């Protein structure tokens, strides 16, 4: 039917806090905020969005995979705020974005628009 489906996975959750930022926020909370913002942006574009979690709950990797696979999503986006223990200015990392894909055919115009939204949201989160 031509609809574009994106499955968004907000990393961590519940007792799995992920990393803690210098200002005391947990990755699980930041991941969920970004995932929710992305969801609303994509839905306004007419994209169908499936979320692996919408609350602060722990979901196993198996459950995340089941949700993604059973949704028949065109794209699976897992959001994480990675951290590194940096000891020198030479190796400082301000922002990190990783993209992993299997098939280049997913890079259609709808996916590229979604990816641009992700980049814009990340920039908004890092420039308070």
PDB file of N, CA and C in Angstrom:
ATOM      1  N   UNK A   1       0.803  -1.205   0.000  1.00  0.00           N
ATOM      2  CA  UNK A   1       0.000   0.000   0.000  1.00  0.00           C
ATOM      3  C   UNK A   1       0.842   1.264   0.000  1.00  0.00           C
ATOM      4  N   UNK A   2       2.160   1.128  -0.050  1.00  0.00           N
ATOM      5  CA  UNK A   2       3.037   2.270  -0.205  1.00  0.00           C
ATOM      6  C   UNK A   2       3.364   3.015   1.071  1.00  0.00           C
ATOM      7  N   UNK A   3       2.812   2.599   2.217  1.00  0.00           N
ATOM      8  CA  UNK A   3       3.110   3.320   3.448  1.00  0.00           C
ATOM      9  C   UNK A   3       4.525   2.982   3.905  1.00  0.00           C
ATOM     10  N   UNK A   4       5.186   3.982   4.470  1.00  0.00           N
ATOM     11  CA  UNK A   4       6.549   3.827   4.964  1.00  0.00           C
ATOM     12  C   UNK A   4       6.472   3.643   6.467  1.00  0.00           C
ATOM     13  N   UNK A   5       7.068   2.563   6.976  1.00  0.00           N
ATOM     14  CA  UNK A   5       6.991   2.224   8.401  1.00  0.00           C
ATOM     15  C   UNK A   5       8.390   2.293   9.015  1.00  0.00           C
ATOM     16  N   UNK A   6       8.486   3.006  10.123  1.00  0.00           N
ATOM     17  CA  UNK A   6       9.743   3.133  10.859  1.00  0.00           C
ATOM     18  C   UNK A   6       9.526   2.594  12.265  1.00  0.00           C
ATOM     19  N   UNK A   7      10.409   1.731  12.701  1.00  0.00           N
ATOM     20  CA  UNK A   7      10.386   1.242  14.084  1.00  0.00           C
ATOM     21  C   UNK A   7      11.494   1.971  14.839  1.00  0.00           C
ATOM     22  N   UNK A   8      11.105   2.686  15.892  1.00  0.00           N
ATOM     23  CA  UNK A   8      12.066   3.453  16.693  1.00  0.00           C
ATOM     24  C   UNK A   8      12.267   2.760  18.034  1.00  0.00           C
ATOM     25  N   UNK A   9      13.515   2.492  18.342  1.00  0.00           N
ATOM     26  CA  UNK A   9      13.895   1.844  19.591  1.00  0.00           C
ATOM     27  C   UNK A   9      14.623   2.850  20.467  1.00  0.00           C
ATOM     28  N   UNK A  10      13.975   3.273  21.558  1.00  0.00           N
ATOM     29  CA  UNK A  10      14.632   4.138  22.532  1.00  0.00           C
ATOM     30  C   UNK A  10      15.486   3.239  23.417  1.00  0.00           C
ATOM     31  N   UNK A  11      16.778   3.398  23.333  1.00  0.00           N
ATOM     32  CA  UNK A  11      17.695   2.512  24.037  1.00  0.00           C
ATOM     33  C   UNK A  11      17.513   2.509  25.547  1.00  0.00           C
ATOM     34  N   UNK A  12      17.909   1.386  26.139  1.00  0.00           N
ATOM     35  CA  UNK A  12      17.889   1.191  27.595  1.00  0.00           C
ATOM     36  C   UNK A  12      16.467   1.294  28.134  1.00  0.00           C
ATOM     37  N   UNK A  13      16.286   1.682  29.374  1.00  0.00           N
ATOM     38  CA  UNK A  13      14.962   1.807  29.985  1.00  0.00           C
ATOM     39  C   UNK A  13      14.856   1.033  31.285  1.00  0.00           C
ATOM     40  N   UNK A  14      13.995   1.506  32.186  1.00  0.00           N
ATOM     41  CA  UNK A  14      13.790   0.848  33.474  1.00  0.00           C
ATOM     42  C   UNK A  14      15.078   0.804  34.283  1.00  0.00           C
ATOM     43  N   UNK A  15      15.415  -0.392  34.772  1.00  0.00           N
ATOM     44  CA  UNK A  15      16.618  -0.546  35.599  1.00  0.00           C
ATOM     45  C   UNK A  15      17.907  -0.427  34.789  1.00  0.00           C
ATOM     46  N   UNK A  16      17.806  -0.495  33.470  1.00  0.00           N
ATOM     47  CA  UNK A  16      18.965  -0.332  32.585  1.00  0.00           C
ATOM     48  C   UNK A  16      19.069   1.137  32.211  1.00  0.00           C
ATOM     49  N   UNK A  17      19.873   1.886  32.972  1.00  0.00           N
ATOM     50  CA  UNK A  17      19.928   3.343  32.809  1.00  0.00           C
ATOM     51  C   UNK A  17      20.796   3.806  31.655  1.00  0.00           C
ATOM     52  N   UNK A  18      21.688   2.949  31.167  1.00  0.00           N
ATOM     53  CA  UNK A  18      22.658   3.420  30.181  1.00  0.00           C
ATOM     54  C   UNK A  18      23.672   4.302  30.876  1.00  0.00           C
ATOM     55  N   UNK A  19      24.348   5.145  30.120  1.00  0.00           N
ATOM     56  CA  UNK A  19      25.377   6.000  30.728  1.00  0.00           C
ATOM     57  C   UNK A  19      24.743   7.211  31.402  1.00  0.00           C
ATOM     58  N   UNK A  20      25.507   7.826  32.288  1.00  0.00           N
ATOM     59  CA  UNK A  20      25.065   9.032  32.979  1.00  0.00           C
ATOM     60  C   UNK A  20      25.892  10.203  32.476  1.00  0.00           C
ATOM     61  N   UNK A  21      25.219  11.292  32.127  1.00  0.00           N
ATOM     62  CA  UNK A  21      25.932  12.467  31.617  1.00  0.00           C
ATOM     63  C   UNK A  21      26.548  13.248  32.773  1.00  0.00           C
ATOM     64  N   UNK A  22      27.378  14.210  32.422  1.00  0.00           N
ATOM     65  CA  UNK A  22      28.017  15.045  33.443  1.00  0.00           C
ATOM     66  C   UNK A  22      26.995  15.830  34.257  1.00  0.00           C
ATOM     67  N   UNK A  23      25.841  16.136  33.635  1.00  0.00           N
ATOM     68  CA  UNK A  23      24.821  16.887  34.367  1.00  0.00           C
ATOM     69  C   UNK A  23      23.842  15.978  35.116  1.00  0.00           C
ATOM     70  N   UNK A  24      24.126  14.662  35.133  1.00  0.00           N
ATOM     71  CA  UNK A  24      23.342  13.729  35.934  1.00  0.00           C
ATOM     72  C   UNK A  24      22.152  13.101  35.235  1.00  0.00           C
ATOM     73  N   UNK A  25      21.939  13.382  33.952  1.00  0.00           N
ATOM     74  CA  UNK A  25      20.819  12.750  33.253  1.00  0.00           C
ATOM     75  C   UNK A  25      21.239  11.364  32.770  1.00  0.00           C
ATOM     76  N   UNK A  26      20.265  10.476  32.705  1.00  0.00           N
ATOM     77  CA  UNK A  26      20.536   9.114  32.255  1.00  0.00           C
ATOM     78  C   UNK A  26      20.238   8.956  30.773  1.00  0.00           C
ATOM     79  N   UNK A  27      21.032   8.115  30.140  1.00  0.00           N
ATOM     80  CA  UNK A  27      20.859   7.846  28.718  1.00  0.00           C
ATOM     81  C   UNK A  27      19.449   7.357  28.406  1.00  0.00           C
ATOM     82  N   UNK A  28      18.883   6.504  29.252  1.00  0.00           N
ATOM     83  CA  UNK A  28      17.551   5.949  29.000  1.00  0.00           C
ATOM     84  C   UNK A  28      16.515   7.059  28.835  1.00  0.00           C
ATOM     85  N   UNK A  29      16.634   8.133  29.623  1.00  0.00           N
ATOM     86  CA  UNK A  29      15.682   9.243  29.551  1.00  0.00           C
ATOM     87  C   UNK A  29      15.910  10.093  28.304  1.00  0.00           C
ATOM     88  N   UNK A  30      17.174  10.371  28.013  1.00  0.00           N
ATOM     89  CA  UNK A  30      17.499  11.146  26.810  1.00  0.00           C
ATOM     90  C   UNK A  30      17.098  10.390  25.549  1.00  0.00           C
ATOM     91  N   UNK A  31      17.339   9.074  25.543  1.00  0.00           N
ATOM     92  CA  UNK A  31      16.970   8.252  24.385  1.00  0.00           C
ATOM     93  C   UNK A  31      15.460   8.301  24.148  1.00  0.00           C
ATOM     94  N   UNK A  32      14.682   8.203  25.224  1.00  0.00           N
ATOM     95  CA  UNK A  32      13.230   8.210  25.091  1.00  0.00           C
ATOM     96  C   UNK A  32      12.723   9.575  24.624  1.00  0.00           C
ATOM     97  N   UNK A  33      13.313  10.654  25.137  1.00  0.00           N
ATOM     98  CA  UNK A  33      12.908  11.999  24.706  1.00  0.00           C
ATOM     99  C   UNK A  33      13.168  12.180  23.212  1.00  0.00           C
ATOM    100  N   UNK A  34      14.342  11.777  22.758  1.00  0.00           N
ATOM    101  CA  UNK A  34      14.679  11.916  21.339  1.00  0.00           C
ATOM    102  C   UNK A  34      13.797  11.016  20.485  1.00  0.00           C
ATOM    103  N   UNK A  35      13.560   9.792  20.924  1.00  0.00           N
ATOM    104  CA  UNK A  35      12.717   8.866  20.174  1.00  0.00           C
ATOM    105  C   UNK A  35      11.292   9.400  20.049  1.00  0.00           C
ATOM    106  N   UNK A  36      10.765   9.976  21.134  1.00  0.00           N
ATOM    107  CA  UNK A  36       9.409  10.521  21.118  1.00  0.00           C
ATOM    108  C   UNK A  36       9.322  11.729  20.196  1.00  0.00           C
ATOM    109  N   UNK A  37      10.316  12.602  20.250  1.00  0.00           N
ATOM    110  CA  UNK A  37      10.337  13.766  19.357  1.00  0.00           C
ATOM    111  C   UNK A  37      10.410  13.321  17.897  1.00  0.00           C
ATOM    112  N   UNK A  38      11.237  12.324  17.620  1.00  0.00           N
ATOM    113  CA  UNK A  38      11.350  11.802  16.260  1.00  0.00           C
ATOM    114  C   UNK A  38      10.022  11.208  15.807  1.00  0.00           C
ATOM    115  N   UNK A  39       9.376  10.481  16.707  1.00  0.00           N
ATOM    116  CA  UNK A  39       8.071   9.883  16.374  1.00  0.00           C
ATOM    117  C   UNK A  39       7.082  10.944  15.897  1.00  0.00           C
ATOM    118  N   UNK A  40       6.944  12.007  16.667  1.00  0.00           N
ATOM    119  CA  UNK A  40       5.982  13.047  16.309  1.00  0.00           C
ATOM    120  C   UNK A  40       6.344  13.726  14.992  1.00  0.00           C
ATOM    121  N   UNK A  41       7.619  13.971  14.770  1.00  0.00           N
ATOM    122  CA  UNK A  41       8.050  14.590  13.508  1.00  0.00           C
ATOM    123  C   UNK A  41       7.722  13.688  12.327  1.00  0.00           C
ATOM    124  N   UNK A  42       8.031  12.415  12.461  1.00  0.00           N
ATOM    125  CA  UNK A  42       7.774  11.479  11.354  1.00  0.00           C
ATOM    126  C   UNK A  42       6.283  11.307  11.103  1.00  0.00           C
ATOM    127  N   UNK A  43       5.499  11.243  12.179  1.00  0.00           N
ATOM    128  CA  UNK A  43       4.050  11.086  12.006  1.00  0.00           C
ATOM    129  C   UNK A  43       3.432  12.279  11.292  1.00  0.00           C
ATOM    130  N   UNK A  44       3.970  13.476  11.517  1.00  0.00           N
ATOM    131  CA  UNK A  44       3.448  14.649  10.805  1.00  0.00           C
ATOM    132  C   UNK A  44       3.761  14.589   9.315  1.00  0.00           C
ATOM    133  N   UNK A  45       4.747  13.765   8.945  1.00  0.00           N
ATOM    134  CA  UNK A  45       5.090  13.558   7.531  1.00  0.00           C
ATOM    135  C   UNK A  45       4.291  12.409   6.920  1.00  0.00           C
ATOM    136  N   UNK A  46       3.426  11.773   7.713  1.00  0.00           N
ATOM    137  CA  UNK A  46       2.637  10.671   7.203  1.00  0.00           C
ATOM    138  C   UNK A  46       3.306   9.314   7.319  1.00  0.00           C
ATOM    139  N   UNK A  47       4.399   9.252   8.061  1.00  0.00           N
ATOM    140  CA  UNK A  47       5.113   7.993   8.259  1.00  0.00           C
ATOM    141  C   UNK A  47       4.450   7.234   9.407  1.00  0.00           C
ATOM    142  N   UNK A  48       4.274   5.935   9.246  1.00  0.00           N
ATOM    143  CA  UNK A  48       3.763   5.095  10.327  1.00  0.00           C
ATOM    144  C   UNK A  48       4.932   4.750  11.236  1.00  0.00           C
ATOM    145  N   UNK A  49       4.764   4.993  12.546  1.00  0.00           N
ATOM    146  CA  UNK A  49       5.852   4.781  13.495  1.00  0.00           C
ATOM    147  C   UNK A  49       5.440   3.730  14.527  1.00  0.00           C
ATOM    148  N   UNK A  50       6.323   2.776  14.733  1.00  0.00           N
ATOM    149  CA  UNK A  50       6.191   1.757  15.772  1.00  0.00           C
ATOM    150  C   UNK A  50       7.288   2.032  16.789  1.00  0.00           C
ATOM    151  N   UNK A  51       6.923   2.094  18.075  1.00  0.00           N
ATOM    152  CA  UNK A  51       7.908   2.327  19.134  1.00  0.00           C
ATOM    153  C   UNK A  51       8.136   1.035  19.910  1.00  0.00           C
ATOM    154  N   UNK A  52       9.394   0.744  20.249  1.00  0.00           N
ATOM    155  CA  UNK A  52       9.653  -0.425  21.093  1.00  0.00           C
ATOM    156  C   UNK A  52       9.284  -0.136  22.543  1.00  0.00           C
ATOM    157  N   UNK A  53       9.368   1.123  22.956  1.00  0.00           N
ATOM    158  CA  UNK A  53       8.916   1.501  24.295  1.00  0.00           C
ATOM    159  C   UNK A  53       8.493   2.966  24.271  1.00  0.00           C
ATOM    160  N   UNK A  54       7.476   3.279  25.091  1.00  0.00           N
ATOM    161  CA  UNK A  54       6.988   4.656  25.208  1.00  0.00           C
ATOM    162  C   UNK A  54       7.023   5.127  26.658  1.00  0.00           C
ATOM    163  N   UNK A  55       7.586   4.311  27.528  1.00  0.00           N
ATOM    164  CA  UNK A  55       7.685   4.639  28.952  1.00  0.00           C
ATOM    165  C   UNK A  55       9.019   4.110  29.479  1.00  0.00           C
ATOM    166  N   UNK A  56       9.320   4.446  30.710  1.00  0.00           N
ATOM    167  CA  UNK A  56      10.581   4.033  31.333  1.00  0.00           C
ATOM    168  C   UNK A  56      10.477   2.591  31.820  1.00  0.00           C
ATOM    169  N   UNK A  57      10.525   1.666  30.868  1.00  0.00           N
ATOM    170  CA  UNK A  57      10.468   0.235  31.169  1.00  0.00           C
ATOM    171  C   UNK A  57      11.648  -0.458  30.512  1.00  0.00           C
ATOM    172  N   UNK A  58      12.076  -1.532  31.138  1.00  0.00           N
ATOM    173  CA  UNK A  58      13.179  -2.324  30.574  1.00  0.00           C
ATOM    174  C   UNK A  58      12.595  -3.339  29.602  1.00  0.00           C
ATOM    175  N   UNK A  59      13.133  -3.365  28.400  1.00  0.00           N
ATOM    176  CA  UNK A  59      12.697  -4.306  27.369  1.00  0.00           C
ATOM    177  C   UNK A  59      13.929  -5.086  26.919  1.00  0.00           C
ATOM    178  N   UNK A  60      13.807  -6.403  26.871  1.00  0.00           N
ATOM    179  CA  UNK A  60      14.958  -7.228  26.475  1.00  0.00           C
ATOM    180  C   UNK A  60      15.288  -7.015  24.995  1.00  0.00           C
ATOM    181  N   UNK A  61      16.493  -7.373  24.630  1.00  0.00           N
ATOM    182  CA  UNK A  61      16.894  -7.281  23.220  1.00  0.00           C
ATOM    183  C   UNK A  61      16.009  -8.175  22.352  1.00  0.00           C
ATOM    184  N   UNK A  62      15.622  -9.331  22.896  1.00  0.00           N
ATOM    185  CA  UNK A  62      14.748 -10.241  22.156  1.00  0.00           C
ATOM    186  C   UNK A  62      13.388  -9.602  21.884  1.00  0.00           C
ATOM    187  N   UNK A  63      12.842  -8.906  22.897  1.00  0.00           N
ATOM    188  CA  UNK A  63      11.557  -8.231  22.724  1.00  0.00           C
ATOM    189  C   UNK A  63      11.663  -7.098  21.710  1.00  0.00           C
ATOM    190  N   UNK A  64      12.777  -6.365  21.751  1.00  0.00           N
ATOM    191  CA  UNK A  64      12.984  -5.278  20.792  1.00  0.00           C
ATOM    192  C   UNK A  64      13.033  -5.839  19.373  1.00  0.00           C
ATOM    193  N   UNK A  65      13.755  -6.931  19.200  1.00  0.00           N
ATOM    194  CA  UNK A  65      13.853  -7.559  17.872  1.00  0.00           C
ATOM    195  C   UNK A  65      12.492  -8.067  17.412  1.00  0.00           C
ATOM    196  N   UNK A  66      11.719  -8.661  18.336  1.00  0.00           N
ATOM    197  CA  UNK A  66      10.384  -9.168  17.985  1.00  0.00           C
ATOM    198  C   UNK A  66       9.474  -8.029  17.523  1.00  0.00           C
ATOM    199  N   UNK A  67       9.483  -6.917  18.270  1.00  0.00           N
ATOM    200  CA  UNK A  67       8.650  -5.766  17.910  1.00  0.00           C
ATOM    201  C   UNK A  67       9.035  -5.253  16.526  1.00  0.00           C
ATOM    202  N   UNK A  68      10.326  -5.107  16.305  1.00  0.00           N
ATOM    203  CA  UNK A  68      10.797  -4.584  15.013  1.00  0.00           C
ATOM    204  C   UNK A  68      10.449  -5.528  13.871  1.00  0.00           C
ATOM    205  N   UNK A  69      10.724  -6.806  14.050  1.00  0.00           N
ATOM    206  CA  UNK A  69      10.480  -7.775  12.978  1.00  0.00           C
ATOM    207  C   UNK A  69       8.994  -7.970  12.703  1.00  0.00           C
ATOM    208  N   UNK A  70       8.180  -7.994  13.742  1.00  0.00           N
ATOM    209  CA  UNK A  70       6.746  -8.226  13.536  1.00  0.00           C
ATOM    210  C   UNK A  70       6.036  -7.002  12.958  1.00  0.00           C
ATOM    211  N   UNK A  71       6.662  -5.836  13.047  1.00  0.00           N
ATOM    212  CA  UNK A  71       6.051  -4.617  12.503  1.00  0.00           C
ATOM    213  C   UNK A  71       6.274  -4.482  10.999  1.00  0.00           C
ATOM    214  N   UNK A  72       7.155  -5.338  10.458  1.00  0.00           N
ATOM    215  CA  UNK A  72       7.511  -5.237   9.035  1.00  0.00           C
ATOM    216  C   UNK A  72       7.979  -3.838   8.654  1.00  0.00           C
ATOM    217  N   UNK A  73       8.717  -3.220   9.569  1.00  0.00           N
ATOM    218  CA  UNK A  73       9.197  -1.860   9.334  1.00  0.00           C
ATOM    219  C   UNK A  73      10.186  -1.815   8.169  1.00  0.00           C
ATOM    220  N   UNK A  74      10.149  -0.699   7.462  1.00  0.00           N
ATOM    221  CA  UNK A  74      11.125  -0.469   6.398  1.00  0.00           C
ATOM    222  C   UNK A  74      12.487  -0.125   6.982  1.00  0.00           C
ATOM    223  N   UNK A  75      12.448   0.532   8.155  1.00  0.00           N
ATOM    224  CA  UNK A  75      13.679   0.980   8.801  1.00  0.00           C
ATOM    225  C   UNK A  75      13.546   0.774  10.310  1.00  0.00           C
ATOM    226  N   UNK A  76      14.625   0.319  10.936  1.00  0.00           N
ATOM    227  CA  UNK A  76      14.710   0.186  12.387  1.00  0.00           C
ATOM    228  C   UNK A  76      15.745   1.186  12.869  1.00  0.00           C
ATOM    229  N   UNK A  77      15.337   2.093  13.757  1.00  0.00           N
ATOM    230  CA  UNK A  77      16.240   3.115  14.290  1.00  0.00           C
ATOM    231  C   UNK A  77      16.367   2.890  15.786  1.00  0.00           C
ATOM    232  N   UNK A  78      17.564   2.578  16.252  1.00  0.00           N
ATOM    233  CA  UNK A  78      17.820   2.400  17.672  1.00  0.00           C
ATOM    234  C   UNK A  78      18.620   3.601  18.157  1.00  0.00           C
ATOM    235  N   UNK A  79      18.071   4.305  19.120  1.00  0.00           N
ATOM    236  CA  UNK A  79      18.680   5.546  19.595  1.00  0.00           C
ATOM    237  C   UNK A  79      19.440   5.296  20.891  1.00  0.00           C
ATOM    238  N   UNK A  80      20.706   5.683  20.882  1.00  0.00           N
ATOM    239  CA  UNK A  80      21.574   5.576  22.054  1.00  0.00           C
ATOM    240  C   UNK A  80      22.443   6.822  22.132  1.00  0.00           C
ATOM    241  N   UNK A  81      22.712   7.263  23.338  1.00  0.00           N
ATOM    242  CA  UNK A  81      23.665   8.349  23.551  1.00  0.00           C
ATOM    243  C   UNK A  81      24.948   7.695  24.035  1.00  0.00           C
ATOM    244  N   UNK A  82      25.861   7.492  23.132  1.00  0.00           N
ATOM    245  CA  UNK A  82      27.097   6.794  23.490  1.00  0.00           C
ATOM    246  C   UNK A  82      28.002   7.685  24.330  1.00  0.00           C
ATOM    247  N   UNK A  83      28.847   7.050  25.107  1.00  0.00           N
ATOM    248  CA  UNK A  83      29.757   7.778  25.980  1.00  0.00           C
ATOM    249  C   UNK A  83      31.148   7.183  25.865  1.00  0.00           C
ATOM    250  N   UNK A  84      32.124   8.022  26.153  1.00  0.00           N
ATOM    251  CA  UNK A  84      33.509   7.553  26.139  1.00  0.00           C
ATOM    252  C   UNK A  84      34.256   8.240  27.266  1.00  0.00           C
ATOM    253  N   UNK A  85      35.162   7.527  27.877  1.00  0.00           N
ATOM    254  CA  UNK A  85      36.023   8.104  28.893  1.00  0.00           C
ATOM    255  C   UNK A  85      37.194   8.731  28.155  1.00  0.00           C
ATOM    256  N   UNK A  86      37.197  10.052  28.072  1.00  0.00           N
ATOM    257  CA  UNK A  86      38.184  10.761  27.265  1.00  0.00           C
ATOM    258  C   UNK A  86      39.223  11.386  28.186  1.00  0.00           C
ATOM    259  N   UNK A  87      40.489  11.087  27.915  1.00  0.00           N
ATOM    260  CA  UNK A  87      41.533  11.593  28.793  1.00  0.00           C
ATOM    261  C   UNK A  87      42.329  12.744  28.187  1.00  0.00           C
ATOM    262  N   UNK A  88      42.153  13.023  26.900  1.00  0.00           N
ATOM    263  CA  UNK A  88      42.897  14.130  26.309  1.00  0.00           C
ATOM    264  C   UNK A  88      42.019  14.902  25.339  1.00  0.00           C
ATOM    265  N   UNK A  89      42.322  16.176  25.196  1.00  0.00           N
ATOM    266  CA  UNK A  89      41.544  17.031  24.291  1.00  0.00           C
ATOM    267  C   UNK A  89      41.631  16.517  22.855  1.00  0.00           C
ATOM    268  N   UNK A  90      42.709  15.844  22.537  1.00  0.00           N
ATOM    269  CA  UNK A  90      42.912  15.308  21.197  1.00  0.00           C
ATOM    270  C   UNK A  90      41.848  14.268  20.836  1.00  0.00           C
ATOM    271  N   UNK A  91      41.310  13.592  21.816  1.00  0.00           N
ATOM    272  CA  UNK A  91      40.355  12.521  21.560  1.00  0.00           C
ATOM    273  C   UNK A  91      38.934  12.849  22.007  1.00  0.00           C
ATOM    274  N   UNK A  92      38.628  14.111  22.243  1.00  0.00           N
ATOM    275  CA  UNK A  92      37.291  14.459  22.706  1.00  0.00           C
ATOM    276  C   UNK A  92      36.255  14.210  21.611  1.00  0.00           C
ATOM    277  N   UNK A  93      35.112  13.686  22.022  1.00  0.00           N
ATOM    278  CA  UNK A  93      34.003  13.436  21.115  1.00  0.00           C
ATOM    279  C   UNK A  93      32.828  14.276  21.591  1.00  0.00           C
ATOM    280  N   UNK A  94      32.370  15.206  20.744  1.00  0.00           N
ATOM    281  CA  UNK A  94      31.231  16.056  21.127  1.00  0.00           C
ATOM    282  C   UNK A  94      29.914  15.354  20.847  1.00  0.00           C
ATOM    283  N   UNK A  95      29.752  14.823  19.667  1.00  0.00           N
ATOM    284  CA  UNK A  95      28.519  14.145  19.274  1.00  0.00           C
ATOM    285  C   UNK A  95      28.896  12.911  18.478  1.00  0.00           C
ATOM    286  N   UNK A  96      28.082  11.898  18.587  1.00  0.00           N
ATOM    287  CA  UNK A  96      28.359  10.688  17.827  1.00  0.00           C
ATOM    288  C   UNK A  96      27.065  10.184  17.223  1.00  0.00           C
ATOM    289  N   UNK A  97      27.120   9.813  15.958  1.00  0.00           N
ATOM    290  CA  UNK A  97      25.972   9.235  15.280  1.00  0.00           C
ATOM    291  C   UNK A  97      26.475   8.055  14.472  1.00  0.00           C
ATOM    292  N   UNK A  98      25.902   6.892  14.708  1.00  0.00           N
ATOM    293  CA  UNK A  98      26.283   5.692  13.971  1.00  0.00           C
ATOM    294  C   UNK A  98      25.105   5.244  13.126  1.00  0.00           C
ATOM    295  N   UNK A  99      25.377   4.877  11.906  1.00  0.00           N
ATOM    296  CA  UNK A  99      24.340   4.364  11.018  1.00  0.00           C
ATOM    297  C   UNK A  99      24.780   2.998  10.530  1.00  0.00           C
ATOM    298  N   UNK A 100      23.944   1.994  10.752  1.00  0.00           N
ATOM    299  CA  UNK A 100      24.222   0.632  10.310  1.00  0.00           C
ATOM    300  C   UNK A 100      23.076   0.212   9.409  1.00  0.00           C
ATOM    301  N   UNK A 101      23.382  -0.333   8.264  1.00  0.00           N
ATOM    302  CA  UNK A 101      22.328  -0.723   7.338  1.00  0.00           C
ATOM    303  C   UNK A 101      22.705  -2.009   6.634  1.00  0.00           C
ATOM    304  N   UNK A 102      21.693  -2.678   6.103  1.00  0.00           N
ATOM    305  CA  UNK A 102      21.899  -3.944   5.413  1.00  0.00           C
ATOM    306  C   UNK A 102      21.750  -3.764   3.917  1.00  0.00           C
ATOM    307  N   UNK A 103      20.769  -2.986   3.507  1.00  0.00           N
ATOM    308  CA  UNK A 103      20.405  -2.900   2.100  1.00  0.00           C
ATOM    309  C   UNK A 103      20.313  -1.441   1.672  1.00  0.00           C
ATOM    310  N   UNK A 104      21.083  -1.050   0.688  1.00  0.00           N
ATOM    311  CA  UNK A 104      21.069   0.338   0.215  1.00  0.00           C
ATOM    312  C   UNK A 104      19.718   0.738  -0.366  1.00  0.00           C
ATOM    313  N   UNK A 105      18.851  -0.207  -0.698  1.00  0.00           N
ATOM    314  CA  UNK A 105      17.555   0.137  -1.275  1.00  0.00           C
ATOM    315  C   UNK A 105      16.658   0.866  -0.285  1.00  0.00           C
ATOM    316  N   UNK A 106      16.965   0.789   1.009  1.00  0.00           N
ATOM    317  CA  UNK A 106      16.139   1.516   1.980  1.00  0.00           C
ATOM    318  C   UNK A 106      16.355   3.017   1.901  1.00  0.00           C
ATOM    319  N   UNK A 107      17.417   3.439   1.262  1.00  0.00           N
ATOM    320  CA  UNK A 107      17.716   4.861   1.204  1.00  0.00           C
ATOM    321  C   UNK A 107      16.863   5.550   0.139  1.00  0.00           C
ATOM    322  N   UNK A 108      15.549   5.473   0.300  1.00  0.00           N
ATOM    323  CA  UNK A 108      14.647   6.181  -0.588  1.00  0.00           C
ATOM    324  C   UNK A 108      14.388   7.570  -0.013  1.00  0.00           C
ATOM    325  N   UNK A 109      13.576   8.364  -0.687  1.00  0.00           N
ATOM    326  CA  UNK A 109      13.389   9.750  -0.267  1.00  0.00           C
ATOM    327  C   UNK A 109      12.753   9.852   1.122  1.00  0.00           C
ATOM    328  N   UNK A 110      11.818   8.963   1.461  1.00  0.00           N
ATOM    329  CA  UNK A 110      11.195   9.024   2.784  1.00  0.00           C
ATOM    330  C   UNK A 110      12.220   8.752   3.873  1.00  0.00           C
ATOM    331  N   UNK A 111      13.101   7.772   3.649  1.00  0.00           N
ATOM    332  CA  UNK A 111      14.118   7.479   4.649  1.00  0.00           C
ATOM    333  C   UNK A 111      15.080   8.655   4.791  1.00  0.00           C
ATOM    334  N   UNK A 112      15.475   9.253   3.686  1.00  0.00           N
ATOM    335  CA  UNK A 112      16.404  10.380   3.754  1.00  0.00           C
ATOM    336  C   UNK A 112      15.784  11.559   4.502  1.00  0.00           C
ATOM    337  N   UNK A 113      14.492  11.791   4.317  1.00  0.00           N
ATOM    338  CA  UNK A 113      13.811  12.845   5.073  1.00  0.00           C
ATOM    339  C   UNK A 113      13.823  12.509   6.566  1.00  0.00           C
ATOM    340  N   UNK A 114      13.538  11.263   6.898  1.00  0.00           N
ATOM    341  CA  UNK A 114      13.551  10.839   8.301  1.00  0.00           C
ATOM    342  C   UNK A 114      14.941  11.017   8.896  1.00  0.00           C
ATOM    343  N   UNK A 115      15.961  10.661   8.140  1.00  0.00           N
ATOM    344  CA  UNK A 115      17.331  10.787   8.618  1.00  0.00           C
ATOM    345  C   UNK A 115      17.683  12.254   8.859  1.00  0.00           C
ATOM    346  N   UNK A 116      17.226  13.157   7.988  1.00  0.00           N
ATOM    347  CA  UNK A 116      17.482  14.589   8.178  1.00  0.00           C
ATOM    348  C   UNK A 116      16.806  15.086   9.448  1.00  0.00           C
ATOM    349  N   UNK A 117      15.606  14.599   9.729  1.00  0.00           N
ATOM    350  CA  UNK A 117      14.914  14.979  10.962  1.00  0.00           C
ATOM    351  C   UNK A 117      15.723  14.528  12.168  1.00  0.00           C
ATOM    352  N   UNK A 118      16.253  13.310  12.113  1.00  0.00           N
ATOM    353  CA  UNK A 118      17.066  12.806  13.216  1.00  0.00           C
ATOM    354  C   UNK A 118      18.259  13.723  13.454  1.00  0.00           C
ATOM    355  N   UNK A 119      18.939  14.087  12.398  1.00  0.00           N
ATOM    356  CA  UNK A 119      20.102  14.974  12.543  1.00  0.00           C
ATOM    357  C   UNK A 119      19.709  16.312  13.138  1.00  0.00           C
ATOM    358  N   UNK A 120      18.582  16.867  12.693  1.00  0.00           N
ATOM    359  CA  UNK A 120      18.123  18.150  13.232  1.00  0.00           C
ATOM    360  C   UNK A 120      17.757  18.034  14.708  1.00  0.00           C
ATOM    361  N   UNK A 121      17.101  16.939  15.089  1.00  0.00           N
ATOM    362  CA  UNK A 121      16.736  16.746  16.497  1.00  0.00           C
ATOM    363  C   UNK A 121      17.985  16.599  17.367  1.00  0.00           C
ATOM    364  N   UNK A 122      18.973  15.866  16.874  1.00  0.00           N
ATOM    365  CA  UNK A 122      20.209  15.688  17.631  1.00  0.00           C
ATOM    366  C   UNK A 122      20.896  17.026  17.820  1.00  0.00           C
ATOM    367  N   UNK A 123      20.946  17.835  16.769  1.00  0.00           N
ATOM    368  CA  UNK A 123      21.564  19.161  16.892  1.00  0.00           C
ATOM    369  C   UNK A 123      20.817  20.001  17.905  1.00  0.00           C
ATOM    370  N   UNK A 124      19.487  19.913  17.904  1.00  0.00           N
ATOM    371  CA  UNK A 124      18.688  20.673  18.868  1.00  0.00           C
ATOM    372  C   UNK A 124      18.940  20.228  20.291  1.00  0.00           C
ATOM    373  N   UNK A 125      19.181  18.934  20.488  1.00  0.00           N
ATOM    374  CA  UNK A 125      19.438  18.406  21.833  1.00  0.00           C
ATOM    375  C   UNK A 125      20.818  18.775  22.338  1.00  0.00           C
ATOM    376  N   UNK A 126      21.760  18.994  21.425  1.00  0.00           N
ATOM    377  CA  UNK A 126      23.128  19.250  21.861  1.00  0.00           C
ATOM    378  C   UNK A 126      23.467  20.735  21.903  1.00  0.00           C
ATOM    379  N   UNK A 127      22.558  21.576  21.455  1.00  0.00           N
ATOM    380  CA  UNK A 127      22.784  23.015  21.477  1.00  0.00           C
ATOM    381  C   UNK A 127      21.683  23.684  22.290  1.00  0.00           C
ATOM    382  N   UNK A 128      21.727  23.499  23.609  1.00  0.00           N
ATOM    383  CA  UNK A 128      20.666  24.009  24.507  1.00  0.00           C
ATOM    384  C   UNK A 128      20.665  25.512  24.498  1.00  0.00           C
TER     385      UNK A 128
END
